[in-house]
Amino acid sequence: MTGVHIIALASALVTLSIIIELSRRRHLSEKYAVTWLAVAVAIAVFAVFPGLFNSIAHHVGVKSPPDLLAVIAVLFLLTVCVRLSWEIGRLEDHTRILAEEVAILRKDLDDRTLERT
């Protein structure tokens, strides 16, 4: 195992422990924790068995395994960005609806208060 593999394994273990701790403290939602745990486990597996990633790269037809790693990383980050953008849009819609409902309730309350006086 080379120095790069040891660093990758240590990084994966640190990531695993941080994700577990954030999930335990309820700072990270389970739906996001699962994704990051899967990434950390994949990094740990490829760090322990470096030949596995190399053979996958060669089976896919990629001559240089780091190129495959870069493409996978970019696609993963693009997927995360799209997912988070979708979540933000959904939450913005939900926030707007809640603000409208609060405004309606506040107006009803003000109208009732004026009727009593």
PDB file of N, CA and C in Angstrom:
ATOM      1  N   MET A   1       0.855  -1.177   0.000  1.00  0.00           N
ATOM      2  CA  MET A   1       0.000   0.000   0.000  1.00  0.00           C
ATOM      3  C   MET A   1       0.899   1.238   0.000  1.00  0.00           C
ATOM      4  N   THR A   2       0.670   2.107  -0.960  1.00  0.00           N
ATOM      5  CA  THR A   2       1.501   3.300  -1.093  1.00  0.00           C
ATOM      6  C   THR A   2       0.975   4.424  -0.200  1.00  0.00           C
ATOM      7  N   GLY A   3       1.737   5.511  -0.166  1.00  0.00           N
ATOM      8  CA  GLY A   3       1.352   6.648   0.658  1.00  0.00           C
ATOM      9  C   GLY A   3       0.018   7.246   0.243  1.00  0.00           C
ATOM     10  N   VAL A   4      -0.247   7.275  -1.065  1.00  0.00           N
ATOM     11  CA  VAL A   4      -1.514   7.824  -1.552  1.00  0.00           C
ATOM     12  C   VAL A   4      -2.681   6.982  -1.052  1.00  0.00           C
ATOM     13  N   HIS A   5      -2.500   5.663  -1.055  1.00  0.00           N
ATOM     14  CA  HIS A   5      -3.567   4.769  -0.597  1.00  0.00           C
ATOM     15  C   HIS A   5      -3.802   4.910   0.904  1.00  0.00           C
ATOM     16  N   ILE A   6      -2.740   5.119   1.648  1.00  0.00           N
ATOM     17  CA  ILE A   6      -2.880   5.318   3.090  1.00  0.00           C
ATOM     18  C   ILE A   6      -3.615   6.633   3.374  1.00  0.00           C
ATOM     19  N   ILE A   7      -3.271   7.688   2.618  1.00  0.00           N
ATOM     20  CA  ILE A   7      -3.959   8.971   2.789  1.00  0.00           C
ATOM     21  C   ILE A   7      -5.427   8.833   2.411  1.00  0.00           C
ATOM     22  N   ALA A   8      -5.717   8.120   1.326  1.00  0.00           N
ATOM     23  CA  ALA A   8      -7.111   7.918   0.904  1.00  0.00           C
ATOM     24  C   ALA A   8      -7.888   7.136   1.956  1.00  0.00           C
ATOM     25  N   LEU A   9      -7.273   6.104   2.505  1.00  0.00           N
ATOM     26  CA  LEU A   9      -7.938   5.309   3.535  1.00  0.00           C
ATOM     27  C   LEU A   9      -8.176   6.141   4.799  1.00  0.00           C
ATOM     28  N   ALA A  10      -7.169   6.907   5.204  1.00  0.00           N
ATOM     29  CA  ALA A  10      -7.333   7.766   6.385  1.00  0.00           C
ATOM     30  C   ALA A  10      -8.423   8.810   6.139  1.00  0.00           C
ATOM     31  N   SER A  11      -8.441   9.394   4.952  1.00  0.00           N
ATOM     32  CA  SER A  11      -9.478  10.378   4.612  1.00  0.00           C
ATOM     33  C   SER A  11     -10.862   9.743   4.647  1.00  0.00           C
ATOM     34  N   ALA A  12     -10.980   8.535   4.128  1.00  0.00           N
ATOM     35  CA  ALA A  12     -12.270   7.844   4.131  1.00  0.00           C
ATOM     36  C   ALA A  12     -12.722   7.559   5.560  1.00  0.00           C
ATOM     37  N   LEU A  13     -11.804   7.128   6.416  1.00  0.00           N
ATOM     38  CA  LEU A  13     -12.169   6.841   7.804  1.00  0.00           C
ATOM     39  C   LEU A  13     -12.558   8.102   8.559  1.00  0.00           C
ATOM     40  N   VAL A  14     -11.846   9.200   8.309  1.00  0.00           N
ATOM     41  CA  VAL A  14     -12.197  10.479   8.937  1.00  0.00           C
ATOM     42  C   VAL A  14     -13.569  10.932   8.446  1.00  0.00           C
ATOM     43  N   THR A  15     -13.805  10.804   7.145  1.00  0.00           N
ATOM     44  CA  THR A  15     -15.106  11.183   6.581  1.00  0.00           C
ATOM     45  C   THR A  15     -16.214  10.340   7.184  1.00  0.00           C
ATOM     46  N   LEU A  16     -15.998   9.037   7.287  1.00  0.00           N
ATOM     47  CA  LEU A  16     -16.991   8.153   7.900  1.00  0.00           C
ATOM     48  C   LEU A  16     -17.314   8.595   9.321  1.00  0.00           C
ATOM     49  N   SER A  17     -16.281   8.871  10.097  1.00  0.00           N
ATOM     50  CA  SER A  17     -16.528   9.253  11.490  1.00  0.00           C
ATOM     51  C   SER A  17     -17.241  10.603  11.588  1.00  0.00           C
ATOM     52  N   ILE A  18     -16.894  11.544  10.726  1.00  0.00           N
ATOM     53  CA  ILE A  18     -17.556  12.854  10.749  1.00  0.00           C
ATOM     54  C   ILE A  18     -19.020  12.722  10.348  1.00  0.00           C
ATOM     55  N   ILE A  19     -19.297  11.945   9.303  1.00  0.00           N
ATOM     56  CA  ILE A  19     -20.677  11.763   8.841  1.00  0.00           C
ATOM     57  C   ILE A  19     -21.508  11.068   9.915  1.00  0.00           C
ATOM     58  N   ILE A  20     -20.953  10.067  10.538  1.00  0.00           N
ATOM     59  CA  ILE A  20     -21.681   9.364  11.597  1.00  0.00           C
ATOM     60  C   ILE A  20     -21.955  10.304  12.759  1.00  0.00           C
ATOM     61  N   GLU A  21     -20.977  11.105  13.141  1.00  0.00           N
ATOM     62  CA  GLU A  21     -21.165  12.042  14.252  1.00  0.00           C
ATOM     63  C   GLU A  21     -22.189  13.121  13.909  1.00  0.00           C
ATOM     64  N   LEU A  22     -22.130  13.661  12.699  1.00  0.00           N
ATOM     65  CA  LEU A  22     -23.117  14.666  12.293  1.00  0.00           C
ATOM     66  C   LEU A  22     -24.522  14.071  12.249  1.00  0.00           C
ATOM     67  N   SER A  23     -24.632  12.843  11.810  1.00  0.00           N
ATOM     68  CA  SER A  23     -25.949  12.179  11.783  1.00  0.00           C
ATOM     69  C   SER A  23     -26.447  11.915  13.192  1.00  0.00           C
ATOM     70  N   ARG A  24     -25.552  11.485  14.051  1.00  0.00           N
ATOM     71  CA  ARG A  24     -25.928  11.192  15.429  1.00  0.00           C
ATOM     72  C   ARG A  24     -26.440  12.436  16.142  1.00  0.00           C
ATOM     73  N   ARG A  25     -25.821  13.569  15.872  1.00  0.00           N
ATOM     74  CA  ARG A  25     -26.235  14.829  16.498  1.00  0.00           C
ATOM     75  C   ARG A  25     -27.393  15.505  15.762  1.00  0.00           C
ATOM     76  N   ARG A  26     -27.881  14.860  14.716  1.00  0.00           N
ATOM     77  CA  ARG A  26     -29.002  15.369  13.909  1.00  0.00           C
ATOM     78  C   ARG A  26     -28.659  16.676  13.193  1.00  0.00           C
ATOM     79  N   HIS A  27     -27.367  16.860  12.854  1.00  0.00           N
ATOM     80  CA  HIS A  27     -26.947  18.018  12.076  1.00  0.00           C
ATOM     81  C   HIS A  27     -26.979  17.716  10.582  1.00  0.00           C
ATOM     82  N   LEU A  28     -27.060  16.445  10.243  1.00  0.00           N
ATOM     83  CA  LEU A  28     -27.078  16.015   8.846  1.00  0.00           C
ATOM     84  C   LEU A  28     -28.223  15.039   8.662  1.00  0.00           C
ATOM     85  N   SER A  29     -29.067  15.334   7.698  1.00  0.00           N
ATOM     86  CA  SER A  29     -30.225  14.495   7.421  1.00  0.00           C
ATOM     87  C   SER A  29     -29.780  13.108   6.936  1.00  0.00           C
ATOM     88  N   GLU A  30     -30.594  12.114   7.244  1.00  0.00           N
ATOM     89  CA  GLU A  30     -30.260  10.743   6.871  1.00  0.00           C
ATOM     90  C   GLU A  30     -30.144  10.573   5.369  1.00  0.00           C
ATOM     91  N   LYS A  31     -30.991  11.288   4.608  1.00  0.00           N
ATOM     92  CA  LYS A  31     -30.959  11.122   3.155  1.00  0.00           C
ATOM     93  C   LYS A  31     -29.640  11.617   2.566  1.00  0.00           C
ATOM     94  N   TYR A  32     -29.003  12.593   3.196  1.00  0.00           N
ATOM     95  CA  TYR A  32     -27.698  13.055   2.730  1.00  0.00           C
ATOM     96  C   TYR A  32     -26.576  12.214   3.339  1.00  0.00           C
ATOM     97  N   ALA A  33     -26.765  11.771   4.551  1.00  0.00           N
ATOM     98  CA  ALA A  33     -25.740  10.963   5.217  1.00  0.00           C
ATOM     99  C   ALA A  33     -25.487   9.668   4.464  1.00  0.00           C
ATOM    100  N   VAL A  34     -26.531   9.058   3.943  1.00  0.00           N
ATOM    101  CA  VAL A  34     -26.379   7.800   3.204  1.00  0.00           C
ATOM    102  C   VAL A  34     -25.482   8.004   1.987  1.00  0.00           C
ATOM    103  N   THR A  35     -25.683   9.104   1.278  1.00  0.00           N
ATOM    104  CA  THR A  35     -24.867   9.391   0.093  1.00  0.00           C
ATOM    105  C   THR A  35     -23.401   9.534   0.469  1.00  0.00           C
ATOM    106  N   TRP A  36     -23.131  10.334   1.502  1.00  0.00           N
ATOM    107  CA  TRP A  36     -21.742  10.582   1.876  1.00  0.00           C
ATOM    108  C   TRP A  36     -21.097   9.356   2.515  1.00  0.00           C
ATOM    109  N   LEU A  37     -21.879   8.550   3.218  1.00  0.00           N
ATOM    110  CA  LEU A  37     -21.336   7.299   3.745  1.00  0.00           C
ATOM    111  C   LEU A  37     -20.953   6.360   2.608  1.00  0.00           C
ATOM    112  N   ALA A  38     -21.770   6.301   1.572  1.00  0.00           N
ATOM    113  CA  ALA A  38     -21.458   5.460   0.414  1.00  0.00           C
ATOM    114  C   ALA A  38     -20.177   5.930  -0.268  1.00  0.00           C
ATOM    115  N   VAL A  39     -20.006   7.233  -0.376  1.00  0.00           N
ATOM    116  CA  VAL A  39     -18.778   7.770  -0.971  1.00  0.00           C
ATOM    117  C   VAL A  39     -17.562   7.396  -0.123  1.00  0.00           C
ATOM    118  N   ALA A  40     -17.676   7.549   1.185  1.00  0.00           N
ATOM    119  CA  ALA A  40     -16.555   7.226   2.076  1.00  0.00           C
ATOM    120  C   ALA A  40     -16.221   5.739   2.022  1.00  0.00           C
ATOM    121  N   VAL A  41     -17.235   4.889   1.981  1.00  0.00           N
ATOM    122  CA  VAL A  41     -16.989   3.444   1.898  1.00  0.00           C
ATOM    123  C   VAL A  41     -16.327   3.096   0.565  1.00  0.00           C
ATOM    124  N   ALA A  42     -16.794   3.707  -0.527  1.00  0.00           N
ATOM    125  CA  ALA A  42     -16.194   3.445  -1.841  1.00  0.00           C
ATOM    126  C   ALA A  42     -14.720   3.864  -1.855  1.00  0.00           C
ATOM    127  N   ILE A  43     -14.429   5.028  -1.284  1.00  0.00           N
ATOM    128  CA  ILE A  43     -13.036   5.480  -1.225  1.00  0.00           C
ATOM    129  C   ILE A  43     -12.203   4.513  -0.394  1.00  0.00           C
ATOM    130  N   ALA A  44     -12.755   4.044   0.724  1.00  0.00           N
ATOM    131  CA  ALA A  44     -12.021   3.097   1.571  1.00  0.00           C
ATOM    132  C   ALA A  44     -11.758   1.784   0.831  1.00  0.00           C
ATOM    133  N   VAL A  45     -12.755   1.286   0.116  1.00  0.00           N
ATOM    134  CA  VAL A  45     -12.592   0.029  -0.638  1.00  0.00           C
ATOM    135  C   VAL A  45     -11.511   0.190  -1.700  1.00  0.00           C
ATOM    136  N   PHE A  46     -11.556   1.294  -2.443  1.00  0.00           N
ATOM    137  CA  PHE A  46     -10.549   1.499  -3.488  1.00  0.00           C
ATOM    138  C   PHE A  46      -9.172   1.785  -2.903  1.00  0.00           C
ATOM    139  N   ALA A  47      -9.109   2.324  -1.691  1.00  0.00           N
ATOM    140  CA  ALA A  47      -7.809   2.547  -1.043  1.00  0.00           C
ATOM    141  C   ALA A  47      -7.206   1.233  -0.588  1.00  0.00           C
ATOM    142  N   VAL A  48      -8.055   0.336  -0.081  1.00  0.00           N
ATOM    143  CA  VAL A  48      -7.561  -0.961   0.389  1.00  0.00           C
ATOM    144  C   VAL A  48      -7.227  -1.875  -0.791  1.00  0.00           C
ATOM    145  N   PHE A  49      -8.035  -1.803  -1.848  1.00  0.00           N
ATOM    146  CA  PHE A  49      -7.821  -2.635  -3.037  1.00  0.00           C
ATOM    147  C   PHE A  49      -7.598  -1.739  -4.259  1.00  0.00           C
ATOM    148  N   PRO A  50      -6.423  -1.140  -4.389  1.00  0.00           N
ATOM    149  CA  PRO A  50      -6.186  -0.191  -5.491  1.00  0.00           C
ATOM    150  C   PRO A  50      -6.281  -0.838  -6.870  1.00  0.00           C
ATOM    151  N   GLY A  51      -5.992  -2.098  -6.959  1.00  0.00           N
ATOM    152  CA  GLY A  51      -6.078  -2.784  -8.249  1.00  0.00           C
ATOM    153  C   GLY A  51      -7.505  -2.870  -8.764  1.00  0.00           C
ATOM    154  N   LEU A  52      -8.460  -2.834  -7.861  1.00  0.00           N
ATOM    155  CA  LEU A  52      -9.872  -2.915  -8.245  1.00  0.00           C
ATOM    156  C   LEU A  52     -10.269  -1.730  -9.112  1.00  0.00           C
ATOM    157  N   PHE A  53      -9.897  -0.531  -8.710  1.00  0.00           N
ATOM    158  CA  PHE A  53     -10.240   0.659  -9.502  1.00  0.00           C
ATOM    159  C   PHE A  53      -9.508   0.637 -10.840  1.00  0.00           C
ATOM    160  N   ASN A  54      -8.267   0.199 -10.819  1.00  0.00           N
ATOM    161  CA  ASN A  54      -7.507   0.112 -12.064  1.00  0.00           C
ATOM    162  C   ASN A  54      -8.153  -0.867 -13.037  1.00  0.00           C
ATOM    163  N   SER A  55      -8.594  -2.007 -12.527  1.00  0.00           N
ATOM    164  CA  SER A  55      -9.222  -2.986 -13.417  1.00  0.00           C
ATOM    165  C   SER A  55     -10.572  -2.480 -13.931  1.00  0.00           C
ATOM    166  N   ILE A  56     -11.318  -1.772 -13.097  1.00  0.00           N
ATOM    167  CA  ILE A  56     -12.584  -1.180 -13.553  1.00  0.00           C
ATOM    168  C   ILE A  56     -12.308  -0.172 -14.669  1.00  0.00           C
ATOM    169  N   ALA A  57     -11.292   0.647 -14.481  1.00  0.00           N
ATOM    170  CA  ALA A  57     -10.943   1.641 -15.504  1.00  0.00           C
ATOM    171  C   ALA A  57     -10.577   0.963 -16.817  1.00  0.00           C
ATOM    172  N   HIS A  58      -9.784  -0.087 -16.748  1.00  0.00           N
ATOM    173  CA  HIS A  58      -9.376  -0.776 -17.975  1.00  0.00           C
ATOM    174  C   HIS A  58     -10.544  -1.508 -18.620  1.00  0.00           C
ATOM    175  N   HIS A  59     -11.468  -2.053 -17.827  1.00  0.00           N
ATOM    176  CA  HIS A  59     -12.642  -2.730 -18.384  1.00  0.00           C
ATOM    177  C   HIS A  59     -13.583  -1.741 -19.079  1.00  0.00           C
ATOM    178  N   VAL A  60     -13.634  -0.524 -18.557  1.00  0.00           N
ATOM    179  CA  VAL A  60     -14.480   0.505 -19.154  1.00  0.00           C
ATOM    180  C   VAL A  60     -13.822   1.063 -20.418  1.00  0.00           C
ATOM    181  N   GLY A  61     -12.526   0.874 -20.533  1.00  0.00           N
ATOM    182  CA  GLY A  61     -11.812   1.353 -21.712  1.00  0.00           C
ATOM    183  C   GLY A  61     -11.042   2.635 -21.481  1.00  0.00           C
ATOM    184  N   VAL A  62     -10.854   2.998 -20.223  1.00  0.00           N
ATOM    185  CA  VAL A  62     -10.105   4.210 -19.881  1.00  0.00           C
ATOM    186  C   VAL A  62      -8.649   3.810 -19.679  1.00  0.00           C
ATOM    187  N   LYS A  63      -7.744   4.503 -20.374  1.00  0.00           N
ATOM    188  CA  LYS A  63      -6.323   4.140 -20.295  1.00  0.00           C
ATOM    189  C   LYS A  63      -5.679   4.592 -18.995  1.00  0.00           C
ATOM    190  N   SER A  64      -6.155   5.705 -18.462  1.00  0.00           N
ATOM    191  CA  SER A  64      -5.569   6.246 -17.240  1.00  0.00           C
ATOM    192  C   SER A  64      -6.626   6.276 -16.133  1.00  0.00           C
ATOM    193  N   PRO A  65      -6.478   5.453 -15.099  1.00  0.00           N
ATOM    194  CA  PRO A  65      -7.456   5.429 -14.008  1.00  0.00           C
ATOM    195  C   PRO A  65      -7.738   6.785 -13.360  1.00  0.00           C
ATOM    196  N   PRO A  66      -6.749   7.676 -13.208  1.00  0.00           N
ATOM    197  CA  PRO A  66      -7.080   8.988 -12.648  1.00  0.00           C
ATOM    198  C   PRO A  66      -8.080   9.779 -13.502  1.00  0.00           C
ATOM    199  N   ASP A  67      -8.058   9.557 -14.831  1.00  0.00           N
ATOM    200  CA  ASP A  67      -9.043  10.214 -15.691  1.00  0.00           C
ATOM    201  C   ASP A  67     -10.450   9.743 -15.351  1.00  0.00           C
ATOM    202  N   LEU A  68     -10.600   8.448 -15.138  1.00  0.00           N
ATOM    203  CA  LEU A  68     -11.911   7.906 -14.761  1.00  0.00           C
ATOM    204  C   LEU A  68     -12.346   8.473 -13.410  1.00  0.00           C
ATOM    205  N   LEU A  69     -11.412   8.571 -12.485  1.00  0.00           N
ATOM    206  CA  LEU A  69     -11.724   9.137 -11.170  1.00  0.00           C
ATOM    207  C   LEU A  69     -12.206  10.587 -11.299  1.00  0.00           C
ATOM    208  N   ALA A  70     -11.541  11.359 -12.149  1.00  0.00           N
ATOM    209  CA  ALA A  70     -11.938  12.755 -12.345  1.00  0.00           C
ATOM    210  C   ALA A  70     -13.339  12.842 -12.953  1.00  0.00           C
ATOM    211  N   VAL A  71     -13.633  12.006 -13.931  1.00  0.00           N
ATOM    212  CA  VAL A  71     -14.953  12.024 -14.566  1.00  0.00           C
ATOM    213  C   VAL A  71     -16.029  11.620 -13.565  1.00  0.00           C
ATOM    214  N   ILE A  72     -15.767  10.583 -12.787  1.00  0.00           N
ATOM    215  CA  ILE A  72     -16.737  10.138 -11.777  1.00  0.00           C
ATOM    216  C   ILE A  72     -16.967  11.242 -10.744  1.00  0.00           C
ATOM    217  N   ALA A  73     -15.890  11.889 -10.316  1.00  0.00           N
ATOM    218  CA  ALA A  73     -16.012  12.961  -9.313  1.00  0.00           C
ATOM    219  C   ALA A  73     -16.830  14.129  -9.862  1.00  0.00           C
ATOM    220  N   VAL A  74     -16.575  14.523 -11.104  1.00  0.00           N
ATOM    221  CA  VAL A  74     -17.318  15.635 -11.698  1.00  0.00           C
ATOM    222  C   VAL A  74     -18.792  15.271 -11.842  1.00  0.00           C
ATOM    223  N   LEU A  75     -19.078  14.061 -12.319  1.00  0.00           N
ATOM    224  CA  LEU A  75     -20.476  13.632 -12.467  1.00  0.00           C
ATOM    225  C   LEU A  75     -21.179  13.559 -11.110  1.00  0.00           C
ATOM    226  N   PHE A  76     -20.477  13.083 -10.100  1.00  0.00           N
ATOM    227  CA  PHE A  76     -21.057  13.015  -8.761  1.00  0.00           C
ATOM    228  C   PHE A  76     -21.380  14.414  -8.234  1.00  0.00           C
ATOM    229  N   LEU A  77     -20.431  15.330  -8.372  1.00  0.00           N
ATOM    230  CA  LEU A  77     -20.653  16.694  -7.885  1.00  0.00           C
ATOM    231  C   LEU A  77     -21.748  17.397  -8.681  1.00  0.00           C
ATOM    232  N   LEU A  78     -21.835  17.132  -9.968  1.00  0.00           N
ATOM    233  CA  LEU A  78     -22.919  17.693 -10.771  1.00  0.00           C
ATOM    234  C   LEU A  78     -24.264  17.171 -10.284  1.00  0.00           C
ATOM    235  N   THR A  79     -24.327  15.882  -9.980  1.00  0.00           N
ATOM    236  CA  THR A  79     -25.552  15.283  -9.458  1.00  0.00           C
ATOM    237  C   THR A  79     -25.932  15.900  -8.111  1.00  0.00           C
ATOM    238  N   VAL A  80     -24.958  16.098  -7.246  1.00  0.00           N
ATOM    239  CA  VAL A  80     -25.218  16.725  -5.945  1.00  0.00           C
ATOM    240  C   VAL A  80     -25.741  18.145  -6.141  1.00  0.00           C
ATOM    241  N   CYS A  81     -25.142  18.907  -7.046  1.00  0.00           N
ATOM    242  CA  CYS A  81     -25.599  20.278  -7.298  1.00  0.00           C
ATOM    243  C   CYS A  81     -27.029  20.308  -7.828  1.00  0.00           C
ATOM    244  N   VAL A  82     -27.351  19.417  -8.756  1.00  0.00           N
ATOM    245  CA  VAL A  82     -28.708  19.381  -9.297  1.00  0.00           C
ATOM    246  C   VAL A  82     -29.700  18.991  -8.206  1.00  0.00           C
ATOM    247  N   ARG A  83     -29.338  17.997  -7.396  1.00  0.00           N
ATOM    248  CA  ARG A  83     -30.224  17.561  -6.311  1.00  0.00           C
ATOM    249  C   ARG A  83     -30.474  18.699  -5.313  1.00  0.00           C
ATOM    250  N   LEU A  84     -29.420  19.397  -4.925  1.00  0.00           N
ATOM    251  CA  LEU A  84     -29.579  20.493  -3.969  1.00  0.00           C
ATOM    252  C   LEU A  84     -30.349  21.660  -4.577  1.00  0.00           C
ATOM    253  N   SER A  85     -30.157  21.918  -5.863  1.00  0.00           N
ATOM    254  CA  SER A  85     -30.935  22.962  -6.532  1.00  0.00           C
ATOM    255  C   SER A  85     -32.409  22.605  -6.541  1.00  0.00           C
ATOM    256  N   TRP A  86     -32.712  21.359  -6.791  1.00  0.00           N
ATOM    257  CA  TRP A  86     -34.099  20.894  -6.762  1.00  0.00           C
ATOM    258  C   TRP A  86     -34.694  21.068  -5.366  1.00  0.00           C
ATOM    259  N   GLU A  87     -33.931  20.692  -4.336  1.00  0.00           N
ATOM    260  CA  GLU A  87     -34.387  20.839  -2.960  1.00  0.00           C
ATOM    261  C   GLU A  87     -34.640  22.308  -2.625  1.00  0.00           C
ATOM    262  N   ILE A  88     -33.740  23.190  -3.047  1.00  0.00           N
ATOM    263  CA  ILE A  88     -33.907  24.621  -2.772  1.00  0.00           C
ATOM    264  C   ILE A  88     -35.164  25.150  -3.441  1.00  0.00           C
ATOM    265  N   GLY A  89     -35.398  24.771  -4.672  1.00  0.00           N
ATOM    266  CA  GLY A  89     -36.606  25.204  -5.373  1.00  0.00           C
ATOM    267  C   GLY A  89     -37.868  24.728  -4.676  1.00  0.00           C
ATOM    268  N   ARG A  90     -37.857  23.486  -4.249  1.00  0.00           N
ATOM    269  CA  ARG A  90     -39.001  22.929  -3.537  1.00  0.00           C
ATOM    270  C   ARG A  90     -39.230  23.666  -2.218  1.00  0.00           C
ATOM    271  N   LEU A  91     -38.166  23.934  -1.494  1.00  0.00           N
ATOM    272  CA  LEU A  91     -38.285  24.649  -0.217  1.00  0.00           C
ATOM    273  C   LEU A  91     -38.719  26.097  -0.413  1.00  0.00           C
ATOM    274  N   GLU A  92     -38.271  26.748  -1.485  1.00  0.00           N
ATOM    275  CA  GLU A  92     -38.721  28.114  -1.769  1.00  0.00           C
ATOM    276  C   GLU A  92     -40.226  28.138  -2.019  1.00  0.00           C
ATOM    277  N   ASP A  93     -40.714  27.174  -2.778  1.00  0.00           N
ATOM    278  CA  ASP A  93     -42.160  27.096  -3.028  1.00  0.00           C
ATOM    279  C   ASP A  93     -42.923  26.883  -1.720  1.00  0.00           C
ATOM    280  N   HIS A  94     -42.414  25.990  -0.896  1.00  0.00           N
ATOM    281  CA  HIS A  94     -43.065  25.692   0.382  1.00  0.00           C
ATOM    282  C   HIS A  94     -43.048  26.931   1.294  1.00  0.00           C
ATOM    283  N   THR A  95     -41.939  27.646   1.323  1.00  0.00           N
ATOM    284  CA  THR A  95     -41.829  28.855   2.144  1.00  0.00           C
ATOM    285  C   THR A  95     -42.800  29.928   1.664  1.00  0.00           C
ATOM    286  N   ARG A  96     -42.931  30.100   0.353  1.00  0.00           N
ATOM    287  CA  ARG A  96     -43.865  31.084  -0.200  1.00  0.00           C
ATOM    288  C   ARG A  96     -45.294  30.745   0.193  1.00  0.00           C
ATOM    289  N   ILE A  97     -45.663  29.472   0.084  1.00  0.00           N
ATOM    290  CA  ILE A  97     -47.023  29.047   0.451  1.00  0.00           C
ATOM    291  C   ILE A  97     -47.271  29.300   1.936  1.00  0.00           C
ATOM    292  N   LEU A  98     -46.300  28.971   2.781  1.00  0.00           N
ATOM    293  CA  LEU A  98     -46.458  29.212   4.212  1.00  0.00           C
ATOM    294  C   LEU A  98     -46.581  30.706   4.519  1.00  0.00           C
ATOM    295  N   ALA A  99     -45.793  31.538   3.845  1.00  0.00           N
ATOM    296  CA  ALA A  99     -45.875  32.986   4.068  1.00  0.00           C
ATOM    297  C   ALA A  99     -47.241  33.516   3.655  1.00  0.00           C
ATOM    298  N   GLU A 100     -47.786  33.000   2.545  1.00  0.00           N
ATOM    299  CA  GLU A 100     -49.114  33.428   2.122  1.00  0.00           C
ATOM    300  C   GLU A 100     -50.178  32.999   3.131  1.00  0.00           C
ATOM    301  N   GLU A 101     -50.060  31.781   3.654  1.00  0.00           N
ATOM    302  CA  GLU A 101     -51.025  31.306   4.645  1.00  0.00           C
ATOM    303  C   GLU A 101     -50.954  32.124   5.928  1.00  0.00           C
ATOM    304  N   VAL A 102     -49.751  32.473   6.355  1.00  0.00           N
ATOM    305  CA  VAL A 102     -49.597  33.299   7.557  1.00  0.00           C
ATOM    306  C   VAL A 102     -50.202  34.677   7.326  1.00  0.00           C
ATOM    307  N   ALA A 103     -49.987  35.247   6.137  1.00  0.00           N
ATOM    308  CA  ALA A 103     -50.565  36.563   5.840  1.00  0.00           C
ATOM    309  C   ALA A 103     -52.090  36.511   5.877  1.00  0.00           C
ATOM    310  N   ILE A 104     -52.680  35.447   5.325  1.00  0.00           N
ATOM    311  CA  ILE A 104     -54.137  35.299   5.346  1.00  0.00           C
ATOM    312  C   ILE A 104     -54.643  35.161   6.779  1.00  0.00           C
ATOM    313  N   LEU A 105     -53.978  34.342   7.573  1.00  0.00           N
ATOM    314  CA  LEU A 105     -54.381  34.159   8.968  1.00  0.00           C
ATOM    315  C   LEU A 105     -54.242  35.464   9.760  1.00  0.00           C
ATOM    316  N   ARG A 106     -53.179  36.193   9.517  1.00  0.00           N
ATOM    317  CA  ARG A 106     -52.967  37.463  10.212  1.00  0.00           C
ATOM    318  C   ARG A 106     -54.061  38.466   9.839  1.00  0.00           C
ATOM    319  N   LYS A 107     -54.440  38.506   8.563  1.00  0.00           N
ATOM    320  CA  LYS A 107     -55.516  39.412   8.133  1.00  0.00           C
ATOM    321  C   LYS A 107     -56.837  39.009   8.781  1.00  0.00           C
ATOM    322  N   ASP A 108     -57.130  37.700   8.812  1.00  0.00           N
ATOM    323  CA  ASP A 108     -58.355  37.242   9.475  1.00  0.00           C
ATOM    324  C   ASP A 108     -58.363  37.626  10.950  1.00  0.00           C
ATOM    325  N   LEU A 109     -57.234  37.465  11.603  1.00  0.00           N
ATOM    326  CA  LEU A 109     -57.124  37.817  13.018  1.00  0.00           C
ATOM    327  C   LEU A 109     -57.324  39.322  13.220  1.00  0.00           C
ATOM    328  N   ASP A 110     -56.711  40.128  12.355  1.00  0.00           N
ATOM    329  CA  ASP A 110     -56.893  41.581  12.445  1.00  0.00           C
ATOM    330  C   ASP A 110     -58.346  41.967  12.193  1.00  0.00           C
ATOM    331  N   ASP A 111     -58.991  41.327  11.222  1.00  0.00           N
ATOM    332  CA  ASP A 111     -60.399  41.616  10.928  1.00  0.00           C
ATOM    333  C   ASP A 111     -61.283  41.274  12.122  1.00  0.00           C
ATOM    334  N   ARG A 112     -61.028  40.147  12.760  1.00  0.00           N
ATOM    335  CA  ARG A 112     -61.817  39.750  13.927  1.00  0.00           C
ATOM    336  C   ARG A 112     -61.590  40.704  15.101  1.00  0.00           C
ATOM    337  N   THR A 113     -60.370  41.149  15.246  1.00  0.00           N
ATOM    338  CA  THR A 113     -60.053  42.094  16.326  1.00  0.00           C
ATOM    339  C   THR A 113     -60.779  43.415  16.098  1.00  0.00           C
ATOM    340  N   LEU A 114     -60.855  43.870  14.861  1.00  0.00           N
ATOM    341  CA  LEU A 114     -61.556  45.114  14.541  1.00  0.00           C
ATOM    342  C   LEU A 114     -63.053  44.965  14.745  1.00  0.00           C
ATOM    343  N   GLU A 115     -63.609  43.788  14.454  1.00  0.00           N
ATOM    344  CA  GLU A 115     -65.047  43.549  14.641  1.00  0.00           C
ATOM    345  C   GLU A 115     -65.428  43.618  16.105  1.00  0.00           C
ATOM    346  N   ARG A 116     -64.588  43.190  16.984  1.00  0.00           N
ATOM    347  CA  ARG A 116     -64.870  43.154  18.431  1.00  0.00           C
ATOM    348  C   ARG A 116     -64.821  44.557  19.041  1.00  0.00           C
ATOM    349  N   THR A 117     -64.075  45.439  18.444  1.00  0.00           N
ATOM    350  CA  THR A 117     -63.947  46.774  19.048  1.00  0.00           C
ATOM    351  C   THR A 117     -64.953  47.752  18.521  1.00  0.00           C
TER     352      THR A 117
END
